[in-house]
Each structure stands twice: as C-alpha cells, then as structure tokens.
Amino acid sequence: MTHLREGARREHRAISLLCVIQCWCHGWDGIRITREQLERLLGLSYFRDTRIEWMEEDFSEMFQYQRTVYPFSGLELSRRAFEERPLIGEFEIWEHLGQNHTVDLSDELLLTSYLSLLAQGRISPRSVPPSGKE
C-alpha cells in the first residue's frame, strides 16, 4: 500500500503544480478542476473515497482551502479562504501553446525559479502571497 500512496502523492503534486502555474499565469487565487479532467490526468475511471482523501491531503500543500462536491464531480482549490471570495478560474488541459500565447520573459523566469525552489523543498507554496484581486 505504501508504494501506491507514494505514487499517488507524486501524481497529485504534479497536478498541483499545473494548477499553480495556471493560477500564476491568470492571476487567480484558486482553480476548479473537474472529475473528467482528473480522470484524464490520472488515467482513472473511478475514484475511491481513499483516493479523494489523498488528493485533498496532497493538494493542501499548494492550496490550503478546498471544496469537494459530492458525489465527486471535482475539486475547487484556493490559496485564500472561500469566505474572502477568492478569484477562482477553470483548469485547462494544455494541448499545446497556441500562436497567440505570449509570456513576459521576466514572469517566465520568476515562475521557473519559484517552481524549482518549490520542487527542491527550499520554499513553501505559502511563501508567495495570493493575488490581491477580487
């Protein structure tokens, strides 16, 4: 069971990083990810209660506040309390970068540095404050 849990933890952290990147790029405080998107990313067709609990635990490293809709239809993740009315965006599975996609190089370097330090465990996901947008 330990190897299953560790494998799931790695998958969930990778999805969390995708969510962090999308929040960063769009200036969101949080993100909504559907069951269908999670099924596709994880290669699952159903979710046991244990797997949902693991996701909630693992996603909390990046997103302290969470809402799960039961029966399980997805997760809403946020770095700000929901009572504060955080800006929540919709998760997108990126197929490829389109022709109109532009990124400011300074933002890209900052994001790369942030993710690198995060992956090394040298900083906490909570060390960068949520956006002040409402």
C-alpha atoms as a PDB file:
ATOM      1  CA  MET A   1       0.000   0.000   0.000  1.00  0.00           C
ATOM      2  CA  THR A   2       2.914   2.368   0.731  1.00  0.00           C
ATOM      3  CA  HIS A   3       4.131   2.317  -2.894  1.00  0.00           C
ATOM      4  CA  LEU A   4       0.581   3.061  -4.113  1.00  0.00           C
ATOM      5  CA  ARG A   5       0.335   6.023  -1.763  1.00  0.00           C
ATOM      6  CA  GLU A   6       3.722   7.426  -2.802  1.00  0.00           C
ATOM      7  CA  GLY A   7       2.879   7.076  -6.497  1.00  0.00           C
ATOM      8  CA  ALA A   8      -0.439   8.849  -5.953  1.00  0.00           C
ATOM      9  CA  ARG A   9       1.322  11.600  -3.970  1.00  0.00           C
ATOM     10  CA  ARG A  10       3.687  12.255  -6.895  1.00  0.00           C
ATOM     11  CA  GLU A  11       0.801  12.393  -9.375  1.00  0.00           C
ATOM     12  CA  HIS A  12      -1.158  14.773  -7.157  1.00  0.00           C
ATOM     13  CA  ARG A  13       1.853  17.055  -6.684  1.00  0.00           C
ATOM     14  CA  ALA A  14       2.347  17.233 -10.444  1.00  0.00           C
ATOM     15  CA  ILE A  15      -1.306  18.213 -10.914  1.00  0.00           C
ATOM     16  CA  SER A  16      -0.967  20.755  -8.094  1.00  0.00           C
ATOM     17  CA  LEU A  17       1.984  22.327  -9.902  1.00  0.00           C
ATOM     18  CA  LEU A  18      -0.068  22.535 -13.112  1.00  0.00           C
ATOM     19  CA  CYS A  19      -2.781  24.282 -11.101  1.00  0.00           C
ATOM     20  CA  VAL A  20      -0.246  26.674  -9.530  1.00  0.00           C
ATOM     21  CA  ILE A  21       1.118  27.545 -12.980  1.00  0.00           C
ATOM     22  CA  GLN A  22      -2.351  28.282 -14.332  1.00  0.00           C
ATOM     23  CA  CYS A  23      -3.210  30.405 -11.286  1.00  0.00           C
ATOM     24  CA  TRP A  24       0.066  32.279 -11.680  1.00  0.00           C
ATOM     25  CA  CYS A  25      -0.444  32.908 -15.389  1.00  0.00           C
ATOM     26  CA  HIS A  26      -4.016  34.161 -14.943  1.00  0.00           C
ATOM     27  CA  GLY A  27      -3.689  35.942 -11.590  1.00  0.00           C
ATOM     28  CA  TRP A  28      -6.176  33.621  -9.901  1.00  0.00           C
ATOM     29  CA  ASP A  29      -6.328  32.762  -6.188  1.00  0.00           C
ATOM     30  CA  GLY A  30      -7.562  29.277  -6.934  1.00  0.00           C
ATOM     31  CA  ILE A  31      -8.784  26.863  -9.552  1.00  0.00           C
ATOM     32  CA  ARG A  32     -11.657  24.499 -10.269  1.00  0.00           C
ATOM     33  CA  ILE A  33     -10.726  21.100 -11.714  1.00  0.00           C
ATOM     34  CA  THR A  34     -13.401  18.666 -12.861  1.00  0.00           C
ATOM     35  CA  ARG A  35     -13.662  14.956 -12.285  1.00  0.00           C
ATOM     36  CA  GLU A  36     -13.290  14.365 -16.032  1.00  0.00           C
ATOM     37  CA  GLN A  37     -10.029  16.324 -16.083  1.00  0.00           C
ATOM     38  CA  LEU A  38      -8.714  14.381 -13.081  1.00  0.00           C
ATOM     39  CA  GLU A  39      -9.735  11.094 -14.706  1.00  0.00           C
ATOM     40  CA  ARG A  40      -7.776  12.049 -17.815  1.00  0.00           C
ATOM     41  CA  LEU A  41      -4.682  13.254 -15.946  1.00  0.00           C
ATOM     42  CA  LEU A  42      -4.594  10.292 -13.559  1.00  0.00           C
ATOM     43  CA  GLY A  43      -5.767   7.632 -16.006  1.00  0.00           C
ATOM     44  CA  LEU A  44      -8.623   6.595 -13.704  1.00  0.00           C
ATOM     45  CA  SER A  45     -12.245   5.852 -14.480  1.00  0.00           C
ATOM     46  CA  TYR A  46     -13.475   5.920 -10.881  1.00  0.00           C
ATOM     47  CA  PHE A  47     -12.385   7.379  -7.571  1.00  0.00           C
ATOM     48  CA  ARG A  48     -12.493   5.527  -4.282  1.00  0.00           C
ATOM     49  CA  ASP A  49     -13.015   7.557  -1.123  1.00  0.00           C
ATOM     50  CA  THR A  50      -9.404   6.859  -0.143  1.00  0.00           C
ATOM     51  CA  ARG A  51      -8.091   8.384  -3.392  1.00  0.00           C
ATOM     52  CA  ILE A  52     -10.231  11.503  -2.884  1.00  0.00           C
ATOM     53  CA  GLU A  53      -8.859  11.844   0.670  1.00  0.00           C
ATOM     54  CA  TRP A  54      -5.308  11.504  -0.667  1.00  0.00           C
ATOM     55  CA  MET A  55      -5.964  14.193  -3.292  1.00  0.00           C
ATOM     56  CA  GLU A  56      -7.341  16.550  -0.673  1.00  0.00           C
ATOM     57  CA  GLU A  57      -4.326  15.946   1.555  1.00  0.00           C
ATOM     58  CA  ASP A  58      -1.778  16.337  -1.247  1.00  0.00           C
ATOM     59  CA  PHE A  59      -3.419  19.360  -2.885  1.00  0.00           C
ATOM     60  CA  SER A  60      -3.470  21.128   0.502  1.00  0.00           C
ATOM     61  CA  GLU A  61       0.311  21.588   0.194  1.00  0.00           C
ATOM     62  CA  MET A  62      -0.313  24.128  -2.580  1.00  0.00           C
ATOM     63  CA  PHE A  63      -3.916  25.112  -1.868  1.00  0.00           C
ATOM     64  CA  GLN A  64      -4.859  25.425   1.790  1.00  0.00           C
ATOM     65  CA  TYR A  65      -8.584  25.808   1.111  1.00  0.00           C
ATOM     66  CA  GLN A  66     -10.620  23.195  -0.737  1.00  0.00           C
ATOM     67  CA  ARG A  67     -14.157  22.261  -1.600  1.00  0.00           C
ATOM     68  CA  THR A  68     -15.148  18.840  -2.839  1.00  0.00           C
ATOM     69  CA  VAL A  69     -18.529  18.353  -4.467  1.00  0.00           C
ATOM     70  CA  TYR A  70     -20.226  15.042  -3.606  1.00  0.00           C
ATOM     71  CA  PRO A  71     -20.993  12.863  -5.365  1.00  0.00           C
ATOM     72  CA  PHE A  72     -17.467  13.524  -6.530  1.00  0.00           C
ATOM     73  CA  SER A  73     -17.568  15.822  -9.562  1.00  0.00           C
ATOM     74  CA  GLY A  74     -14.351  17.743  -8.981  1.00  0.00           C
ATOM     75  CA  LEU A  75     -12.389  19.976  -6.647  1.00  0.00           C
ATOM     76  CA  GLU A  76     -12.256  23.692  -6.042  1.00  0.00           C
ATOM     77  CA  LEU A  77      -8.841  24.698  -4.694  1.00  0.00           C
ATOM     78  CA  SER A  78      -7.809  28.081  -3.282  1.00  0.00           C
ATOM     79  CA  ARG A  79      -4.952  29.830  -1.512  1.00  0.00           C
ATOM     80  CA  ARG A  80      -7.459  32.208   0.105  1.00  0.00           C
ATOM     81  CA  ALA A  81     -10.437  31.327   2.303  1.00  0.00           C
ATOM     82  CA  PHE A  82     -13.639  30.963   0.308  1.00  0.00           C
ATOM     83  CA  GLU A  83     -15.336  33.469   2.638  1.00  0.00           C
ATOM     84  CA  GLU A  84     -12.924  36.088   1.216  1.00  0.00           C
ATOM     85  CA  ARG A  85     -14.392  35.495  -2.260  1.00  0.00           C
ATOM     86  CA  PRO A  86     -11.146  34.445  -3.987  1.00  0.00           C
ATOM     87  CA  LEU A  87     -10.802  34.674  -7.752  1.00  0.00           C
ATOM     88  CA  ILE A  88     -11.287  31.066  -8.938  1.00  0.00           C
ATOM     89  CA  GLY A  89     -10.547  30.063 -12.530  1.00  0.00           C
ATOM     90  CA  GLU A  90     -11.278  26.961 -14.579  1.00  0.00           C
ATOM     91  CA  PHE A  91      -8.467  24.422 -15.068  1.00  0.00           C
ATOM     92  CA  GLU A  92      -7.377  23.954 -18.671  1.00  0.00           C
ATOM     93  CA  ILE A  93      -5.572  20.923 -20.012  1.00  0.00           C
ATOM     94  CA  TRP A  94      -2.994  22.449 -22.322  1.00  0.00           C
ATOM     95  CA  GLU A  95      -2.729  20.517 -25.558  1.00  0.00           C
ATOM     96  CA  HIS A  96      -0.056  22.859 -26.926  1.00  0.00           C
ATOM     97  CA  LEU A  97       0.758  26.542 -26.888  1.00  0.00           C
ATOM     98  CA  GLY A  98      -1.230  28.420 -29.482  1.00  0.00           C
ATOM     99  CA  GLN A  99       0.087  31.069 -31.824  1.00  0.00           C
ATOM    100  CA  ASN A 100      -1.373  33.840 -29.680  1.00  0.00           C
ATOM    101  CA  HIS A 101       0.280  32.646 -26.460  1.00  0.00           C
ATOM    102  CA  THR A 102       2.758  35.202 -25.156  1.00  0.00           C
ATOM    103  CA  VAL A 103       4.649  35.171 -21.877  1.00  0.00           C
ATOM    104  CA  ASP A 104       6.651  38.025 -20.415  1.00  0.00           C
ATOM    105  CA  LEU A 105      10.212  36.695 -20.055  1.00  0.00           C
ATOM    106  CA  SER A 106      10.596  38.169 -16.557  1.00  0.00           C
ATOM    107  CA  ASP A 107       7.401  36.376 -15.439  1.00  0.00           C
ATOM    108  CA  GLU A 108       8.622  33.141 -17.012  1.00  0.00           C
ATOM    109  CA  LEU A 109      11.991  33.370 -15.213  1.00  0.00           C
ATOM    110  CA  LEU A 110      10.324  34.170 -11.901  1.00  0.00           C
ATOM    111  CA  LEU A 111       7.913  31.247 -12.311  1.00  0.00           C
ATOM    112  CA  THR A 112      10.739  28.875 -13.267  1.00  0.00           C
ATOM    113  CA  SER A 113      12.755  29.917 -10.224  1.00  0.00           C
ATOM    114  CA  TYR A 114       9.745  29.613  -7.943  1.00  0.00           C
ATOM    115  CA  LEU A 115       8.863  26.117  -9.200  1.00  0.00           C
ATOM    116  CA  SER A 116      12.487  24.996  -8.971  1.00  0.00           C
ATOM    117  CA  LEU A 117      12.762  26.124  -5.346  1.00  0.00           C
ATOM    118  CA  LEU A 118       9.380  24.566  -4.605  1.00  0.00           C
ATOM    119  CA  ALA A 119      10.430  21.218  -6.110  1.00  0.00           C
ATOM    120  CA  GLN A 120      13.619  21.269  -4.028  1.00  0.00           C
ATOM    121  CA  GLY A 121      11.622  21.904  -0.867  1.00  0.00           C
ATOM    122  CA  ARG A 122      13.526  25.145  -0.223  1.00  0.00           C
ATOM    123  CA  ILE A 123      10.386  27.286  -0.066  1.00  0.00           C
ATOM    124  CA  SER A 124       6.781  26.678   0.878  1.00  0.00           C
ATOM    125  CA  PRO A 125       3.835  27.102  -1.523  1.00  0.00           C
ATOM    126  CA  ARG A 126       2.520  29.602   1.001  1.00  0.00           C
ATOM    127  CA  SER A 127       5.642  31.789   0.807  1.00  0.00           C
ATOM    128  CA  VAL A 128       4.237  33.662  -2.198  1.00  0.00           C
ATOM    129  CA  PRO A 129       1.099  35.582  -1.190  1.00  0.00           C
ATOM    130  CA  PRO A 130      -2.158  35.093  -3.090  1.00  0.00           C
ATOM    131  CA  SER A 131      -3.133  37.806  -5.521  1.00  0.00           C
ATOM    132  CA  GLY A 132      -4.990  40.820  -4.183  1.00  0.00           C
ATOM    133  CA  LYS A 133      -7.561  40.640  -6.985  1.00  0.00           C
ATOM    134  CA  GLU A 134     -11.227  40.336  -6.117  1.00  0.00           C
END
